[in-house]
Amino acid sequence: METLNEIRFDDNDLFLKDNIVKTSVLPKGSKDLKRNIKIESNTIFEGSVFGNTISIDNGDVVFKGAVFANKELHISTSMSGRIKFVKAAASAESIAALVSSGKVIFGSDVNSPSVRLKNCYIGGSVFGAEVYLENCVVLGGVFATKNLTITNCIFGTFNAPSVELSGVNYMLYPAAFSIEPLSFLPGTELYNISMAHLGALFKGDPEGENTGKIKMDLEDDHQRTVLVDDDGSTTTVNSYSVSGRLLVADLIDFDKLENHFLIGAGALNSQILKVYSLTRSDGEKSEELTVENISDFFFKIISGAIQIQNISGEISFSELKKAFE
């Protein structure tokens, strides 16, 4: 790969392939705001990147600094390999990464009025007006000001006026919110995995007792609340939560689930100074908690390669009494 210690621009667009770019790619004048960046493949950016449009044809591409596209950040649907954004990625108009075979890793937040992602891992949250996610993992929340569509995803939580679900989905946190009632296609399933023993699954150990996934009833597992502001204006919020069914939560030591290690390492990967591992029941170390390994783990849950047990609905009175003593 050719190392570019300094980029000298002219009035033309920037084309990159098999390069290591040591300097930031930032505009120095108003004319630079209209410069497009086209990346063919196999390129590493050490600094921040700005472009009018940023398009990526193929992997393997790594952005170690923040990325901003004035109009569109676009990744080809036919790309292969991996593309990694270590820090935040944003656009003033659109971010589109509807990839069919490769994987795209966003190590931090994704922010744009229009966000359309498929086969992507997001270590932070997704912010937009209209958001479409398919076969994605979002460790944080998904926040849309207009419409949100989620298909076969793992996500932390969501908050949007209008939410449509389809396929099999998993929620990492206890509750999510919408203004309009949740819309879903026939056969749609939503599981809450805030009580799942993700640490054991990552290590390959047996899951703990009283842990597992909770299937949410999309018709009944919600509460409609009317909020009144100081000026008398009202807002209706629908919350989708399993908190009313988590009596078993008092019987679990959440630290032993080690879910916080997975989510924390996956979300803060660029800020962690060393790589950690989990300890298996036999004393051996698990795979390292890198963003790549954590991403692969969650995608195995989506694909069904890793199965989460259903949480037991049976609690003995003696166990319950002991927990509240």
Protein backbone atom coordinates (compact mmCIF):
# COMPACT_ATOMS: atom_id res chain seq x y z
CA MET A 1 0.00 0.00 0.00
CA GLU A 2 1.20 3.50 -0.81
CA THR A 3 1.51 5.82 2.19
CA LEU A 4 0.22 9.36 1.60
CA ASN A 5 1.74 11.61 4.26
CA GLU A 6 0.26 14.72 2.66
CA ILE A 7 -2.68 15.07 0.28
CA ARG A 8 -2.31 17.82 -2.33
CA PHE A 9 -5.71 18.70 -3.74
CA ASP A 10 -6.67 20.28 -6.99
CA ASP A 11 -10.18 21.02 -8.25
CA ASN A 12 -10.83 17.36 -9.06
CA ASP A 13 -12.43 14.69 -6.94
CA LEU A 14 -10.26 12.40 -4.84
CA PHE A 15 -9.91 8.73 -5.87
CA LEU A 16 -8.20 6.27 -3.53
CA LYS A 17 -7.16 2.62 -3.75
CA ASP A 18 -4.44 0.73 -1.84
CA ASN A 19 -3.50 3.79 0.19
CA ILE A 20 -2.66 4.72 3.78
CA VAL A 21 -3.69 8.36 4.27
CA LYS A 22 -1.75 9.80 7.21
CA THR A 23 -3.25 13.30 7.12
CA SER A 24 -6.83 14.41 7.68
CA VAL A 25 -8.89 15.02 4.54
CA LEU A 26 -10.54 18.34 5.38
CA PRO A 27 -11.56 21.39 3.30
CA LYS A 28 -9.26 24.40 3.37
CA GLY A 29 -11.59 26.73 1.49
CA SER A 30 -15.16 27.07 0.25
CA LYS A 31 -14.35 25.41 -3.10
CA ASP A 32 -13.22 22.28 -1.25
CA LEU A 33 -16.73 21.78 0.13
CA LYS A 34 -17.87 20.38 -3.24
CA ARG A 35 -15.06 17.83 -3.58
CA ASN A 36 -16.21 14.20 -3.71
CA ILE A 37 -14.23 11.28 -2.32
CA LYS A 38 -14.38 7.92 -4.05
CA ILE A 39 -12.72 4.92 -2.38
CA GLU A 40 -12.31 1.82 -4.52
CA SER A 41 -10.84 -0.56 -1.90
CA ASN A 42 -8.07 -1.32 0.60
CA THR A 43 -7.57 2.12 2.12
CA ILE A 44 -6.80 3.32 5.66
CA PHE A 45 -7.51 6.88 6.83
CA GLU A 46 -5.54 7.88 9.93
CA GLY A 47 -7.33 11.22 10.42
CA SER A 48 -10.76 12.76 9.98
CA VAL A 49 -12.47 12.81 6.58
CA PHE A 50 -14.82 15.35 4.98
CA GLY A 51 -16.34 15.11 1.53
CA ASN A 52 -19.28 16.46 -0.41
CA THR A 53 -20.11 12.83 -1.13
CA ILE A 54 -18.14 9.84 0.12
CA SER A 55 -18.61 6.58 -1.77
CA ILE A 56 -16.99 3.22 -1.04
CA ASP A 57 -16.99 0.46 -3.65
CA ASN A 58 -15.30 -2.35 -1.76
CA GLY A 59 -13.46 -3.35 1.45
CA ASP A 60 -11.17 -3.39 3.26
CA VAL A 61 -11.43 0.23 4.36
CA VAL A 62 -10.78 1.73 7.80
CA PHE A 63 -11.60 5.27 8.98
CA LYS A 64 -9.78 5.96 12.26
CA GLY A 65 -11.13 9.51 12.61
CA ALA A 66 -14.59 11.04 12.40
CA VAL A 67 -16.29 11.01 8.98
CA PHE A 68 -18.72 13.60 7.59
CA ALA A 69 -20.35 13.75 4.16
CA ASN A 70 -22.11 16.95 3.16
CA LYS A 71 -24.59 15.15 0.88
CA GLU A 72 -24.23 11.38 1.10
CA LEU A 73 -22.10 8.66 2.61
CA HIS A 74 -22.72 5.65 0.37
CA ILE A 75 -21.39 2.09 0.52
CA SER A 76 -21.95 -0.16 -2.48
CA THR A 77 -24.48 -2.96 -2.00
CA SER A 78 -22.11 -5.41 -3.73
CA MET A 79 -19.08 -4.71 -1.52
CA SER A 80 -17.22 -7.59 0.12
CA GLY A 81 -14.88 -7.72 3.09
CA ARG A 82 -15.24 -5.26 5.96
CA ILE A 83 -15.48 -1.50 6.32
CA LYS A 84 -14.80 -0.01 9.73
CA PHE A 85 -15.58 3.46 11.08
CA VAL A 86 -13.76 3.75 14.40
CA LYS A 87 -15.41 7.04 15.37
CA ALA A 88 -18.67 8.81 14.55
CA ALA A 89 -20.06 8.92 11.01
CA ALA A 90 -22.50 11.62 9.92
CA SER A 91 -24.04 13.25 6.87
CA ALA A 92 -26.17 16.32 6.32
CA GLU A 93 -28.49 14.37 4.00
CA SER A 94 -28.05 10.60 3.76
CA ILE A 95 -26.11 7.56 4.96
CA ALA A 96 -26.76 4.40 2.94
CA ALA A 97 -25.06 1.03 3.51
CA LEU A 98 -27.42 -1.67 2.26
CA VAL A 99 -24.71 -4.28 1.82
CA SER A 100 -25.66 -7.84 0.90
CA SER A 101 -22.51 -9.85 1.61
CA GLY A 102 -19.87 -7.85 3.49
CA LYS A 103 -20.00 -6.32 6.96
CA VAL A 104 -19.85 -2.67 7.96
CA ILE A 105 -18.75 -1.73 11.49
CA PHE A 106 -19.63 1.69 12.91
CA GLY A 107 -17.69 1.93 16.16
CA SER A 108 -19.63 4.95 17.37
CA ASP A 109 -22.79 6.95 16.55
CA VAL A 110 -24.43 7.26 13.14
CA ASN A 111 -26.25 10.53 12.48
CA SER A 112 -28.10 11.67 9.34
CA PRO A 113 -31.63 12.75 8.32
CA SER A 114 -31.89 9.57 6.24
CA VAL A 115 -30.20 6.39 7.53
CA ARG A 116 -30.55 3.10 5.61
CA LEU A 117 -28.40 0.23 6.88
CA LYS A 118 -28.23 -3.51 6.22
CA ASN A 119 -25.72 -6.00 7.67
CA CYS A 120 -24.18 -3.26 9.81
CA TYR A 121 -22.91 -3.16 13.38
CA ILE A 122 -23.29 0.10 15.32
CA GLY A 123 -21.44 0.38 18.61
CA GLY A 124 -23.22 3.63 19.54
CA SER A 125 -26.67 4.95 18.67
CA VAL A 126 -28.45 5.81 15.43
CA PHE A 127 -29.99 9.28 15.03
CA GLY A 128 -32.10 10.37 12.07
CA ALA A 129 -35.45 11.53 10.75
CA GLU A 130 -36.18 8.40 8.73
CA VAL A 131 -34.28 5.26 9.75
CA TYR A 132 -34.33 1.82 8.10
CA LEU A 133 -32.41 -1.08 9.68
CA GLU A 134 -32.22 -4.63 8.37
CA ASN A 135 -30.10 -7.41 9.88
CA CYS A 136 -28.23 -4.89 12.03
CA VAL A 137 -26.83 -4.75 15.56
CA VAL A 138 -27.19 -1.47 17.49
CA LEU A 139 -25.76 -1.53 21.01
CA GLY A 140 -27.24 1.87 21.84
CA GLY A 141 -30.61 3.32 20.92
CA VAL A 142 -32.33 4.00 17.61
CA PHE A 143 -33.87 7.48 17.60
CA ALA A 144 -35.96 8.75 14.68
CA THR A 145 -37.97 11.97 14.49
CA LYS A 146 -40.32 10.63 11.76
CA ASN A 147 -40.30 6.96 10.80
CA LEU A 148 -38.40 3.90 12.01
CA THR A 149 -38.37 0.49 10.30
CA ILE A 150 -36.59 -2.46 11.94
CA THR A 151 -36.24 -5.94 10.41
CA ASN A 152 -34.30 -8.85 11.99
CA CYS A 153 -32.16 -6.69 14.29
CA ILE A 154 -30.64 -6.51 17.74
CA PHE A 155 -30.97 -3.06 19.30
CA GLY A 156 -30.73 -1.45 22.72
CA THR A 157 -33.94 0.57 22.64
CA PHE A 158 -35.90 2.80 20.24
CA ASN A 159 -37.82 6.06 20.37
CA ALA A 160 -39.74 7.33 17.34
CA PRO A 161 -43.19 8.66 16.42
CA SER A 162 -43.86 5.74 14.06
CA VAL A 163 -42.22 2.31 14.39
CA GLU A 164 -42.65 -0.71 12.14
CA LEU A 165 -41.21 -4.11 13.07
CA SER A 166 -40.85 -7.28 11.02
CA GLY A 167 -38.92 -10.54 11.32
CA VAL A 168 -37.28 -11.69 14.56
CA ASN A 169 -35.83 -8.91 16.71
CA TYR A 170 -34.03 -8.68 20.06
CA MET A 171 -34.00 -5.76 22.52
CA LEU A 172 -31.06 -5.34 24.92
CA TYR A 173 -32.69 -2.93 27.39
CA PRO A 174 -35.96 -3.25 29.33
CA ALA A 175 -38.08 -0.63 27.50
CA ALA A 176 -38.63 1.21 24.22
CA PHE A 177 -41.00 4.00 23.17
CA SER A 178 -43.14 5.29 20.31
CA ILE A 179 -45.88 7.87 19.87
CA GLU A 180 -48.15 5.91 17.54
CA PRO A 181 -48.96 2.27 18.36
CA LEU A 182 -46.35 -0.17 17.13
CA SER A 183 -46.93 -1.47 13.60
CA PHE A 184 -45.81 -5.01 12.76
CA LEU A 185 -46.23 -7.59 10.03
CA PRO A 186 -47.76 -11.03 10.71
CA GLY A 187 -45.20 -13.41 12.19
CA THR A 188 -43.09 -10.64 13.71
CA GLU A 189 -41.36 -11.55 16.97
CA LEU A 190 -39.69 -9.33 19.56
CA TYR A 191 -37.59 -10.78 22.39
CA ASN A 192 -36.18 -8.86 25.32
CA ILE A 193 -32.71 -10.17 26.18
CA SER A 194 -31.87 -7.85 29.08
CA MET A 195 -32.03 -10.96 31.29
CA ALA A 196 -30.08 -13.24 28.91
CA HIS A 197 -26.71 -14.62 30.00
CA LEU A 198 -24.80 -13.11 27.07
CA GLY A 199 -21.44 -13.51 28.79
CA ALA A 200 -21.88 -17.29 29.02
CA LEU A 201 -23.01 -17.50 25.41
CA PHE A 202 -19.98 -15.51 24.27
CA LYS A 203 -17.64 -17.82 26.21
CA GLY A 204 -19.45 -21.01 25.21
CA ASP A 205 -20.47 -21.81 28.81
CA PRO A 206 -23.93 -23.04 29.90
CA GLU A 207 -26.45 -20.27 30.56
CA GLY A 208 -27.29 -19.49 34.17
CA GLU A 209 -30.47 -20.42 35.97
CA ASN A 210 -33.37 -17.94 35.70
CA THR A 211 -31.77 -16.23 32.70
CA GLY A 212 -32.82 -16.11 29.07
CA LYS A 213 -34.93 -14.28 26.53
CA ILE A 214 -38.47 -13.04 27.13
CA LYS A 215 -40.92 -13.07 24.24
CA MET A 216 -42.86 -9.82 24.19
CA ASP A 217 -46.54 -9.71 23.33
CA LEU A 218 -46.67 -6.92 20.76
CA GLU A 219 -50.38 -6.42 21.47
CA ASP A 220 -50.32 -6.38 25.27
CA ASP A 221 -46.79 -5.62 26.50
CA HIS A 222 -47.17 -1.89 26.20
CA GLN A 223 -48.53 0.99 28.25
CA ARG A 224 -50.10 4.14 26.86
CA THR A 225 -49.27 7.29 28.82
CA VAL A 226 -50.45 10.88 28.32
CA LEU A 227 -47.84 13.47 29.32
CA VAL A 228 -48.97 17.03 30.14
CA ASP A 229 -46.56 19.95 29.71
CA ASP A 230 -46.57 23.16 31.77
CA ASP A 231 -48.46 25.00 29.03
CA GLY A 232 -51.20 22.37 28.98
CA SER A 233 -50.09 20.64 25.78
CA THR A 234 -50.24 16.86 25.84
CA THR A 235 -48.09 14.11 24.31
CA THR A 236 -49.10 10.47 24.11
CA VAL A 237 -46.33 7.90 24.52
CA ASN A 238 -46.51 4.14 24.09
CA SER A 239 -43.89 2.26 26.13
CA TYR A 240 -43.01 -1.37 25.40
CA SER A 241 -41.53 -2.97 28.49
CA VAL A 242 -41.08 -6.27 30.31
CA SER A 243 -40.61 -4.60 33.69
CA GLY A 244 -44.00 -5.85 34.87
CA ARG A 245 -42.92 -9.45 34.30
CA LEU A 246 -39.43 -9.33 35.81
CA LEU A 247 -40.08 -10.58 39.32
CA VAL A 248 -37.20 -12.98 38.71
CA ALA A 249 -34.82 -10.01 38.39
CA ASP A 250 -34.37 -9.92 42.18
CA LEU A 251 -32.95 -13.45 42.03
CA ILE A 252 -30.16 -12.61 39.58
CA ASP A 253 -26.73 -11.13 40.11
CA PHE A 254 -26.48 -8.99 36.98
CA ASP A 255 -22.72 -8.65 37.31
CA LYS A 256 -22.40 -12.40 36.77
CA LEU A 257 -24.25 -12.12 33.46
CA GLU A 258 -21.29 -10.05 32.17
CA ASN A 259 -23.58 -8.36 29.67
CA HIS A 260 -22.13 -4.98 30.62
CA PHE A 261 -18.66 -6.16 29.60
CA LEU A 262 -19.87 -7.10 26.12
CA ILE A 263 -21.90 -3.93 25.58
CA GLY A 264 -19.25 -1.68 27.12
CA ALA A 265 -16.38 -3.20 25.13
CA GLY A 266 -18.44 -3.11 21.94
CA ALA A 267 -19.45 0.52 22.41
CA LEU A 268 -16.20 1.96 23.76
CA ASN A 269 -13.76 -0.03 21.64
CA SER A 270 -11.86 3.00 20.34
CA GLN A 271 -11.36 4.37 23.87
CA ILE A 272 -10.16 1.20 25.61
CA LEU A 273 -6.39 1.11 26.03
CA LYS A 274 -6.05 -2.67 26.27
CA VAL A 275 -8.00 -5.70 25.06
CA TYR A 276 -9.84 -7.78 27.66
CA SER A 277 -11.22 -11.33 27.75
CA LEU A 278 -13.80 -13.16 29.83
CA THR A 279 -12.93 -16.18 31.97
CA ARG A 280 -14.66 -19.45 31.17
CA SER A 281 -15.93 -21.85 33.82
CA ASP A 282 -12.84 -24.05 33.24
CA GLY A 283 -10.49 -21.13 33.90
CA GLU A 284 -9.53 -20.61 30.26
CA LYS A 285 -9.81 -17.23 28.57
CA SER A 286 -12.53 -16.50 26.02
CA GLU A 287 -11.98 -14.79 22.71
CA GLU A 288 -10.81 -11.20 23.13
CA LEU A 289 -13.50 -8.56 23.54
CA THR A 290 -12.71 -6.78 20.29
CA VAL A 291 -15.39 -5.01 18.29
CA GLU A 292 -14.95 -7.59 15.52
CA ASN A 293 -15.51 -10.56 17.85
CA ILE A 294 -18.44 -8.89 19.62
CA SER A 295 -19.97 -7.99 16.25
CA ASP A 296 -19.65 -11.59 15.03
CA PHE A 297 -21.22 -12.84 18.29
CA PHE A 298 -24.34 -10.71 17.97
CA PHE A 299 -24.75 -11.52 14.28
CA LYS A 300 -24.68 -15.22 15.22
CA ILE A 301 -27.66 -14.55 17.49
CA ILE A 302 -29.51 -12.89 14.62
CA SER A 303 -28.74 -15.77 12.25
CA GLY A 304 -29.73 -18.39 14.82
CA ALA A 305 -26.25 -19.93 15.06
CA ILE A 306 -26.34 -19.02 18.77
CA GLN A 307 -29.61 -19.81 20.53
CA ILE A 308 -30.72 -18.07 23.73
CA GLN A 309 -32.80 -20.15 26.11
CA ASN A 310 -36.28 -19.00 27.15
CA ILE A 311 -36.35 -17.64 30.67
CA SER A 312 -38.08 -19.92 33.15
CA GLY A 313 -41.47 -18.72 34.34
CA GLU A 314 -41.34 -20.84 37.48
CA ILE A 315 -40.01 -19.41 40.75
CA SER A 316 -40.32 -21.26 44.03
CA PHE A 317 -41.80 -19.36 46.95
CA SER A 318 -38.71 -20.14 49.04
CA GLU A 319 -36.44 -18.51 46.41
CA LEU A 320 -38.66 -15.44 46.28
CA LYS A 321 -38.84 -15.17 50.07
CA LYS A 322 -35.05 -15.46 50.36
CA ALA A 323 -34.53 -12.66 47.82
CA PHE A 324 -36.64 -10.20 49.82
CA GLU A 325 -35.31 -11.08 53.27
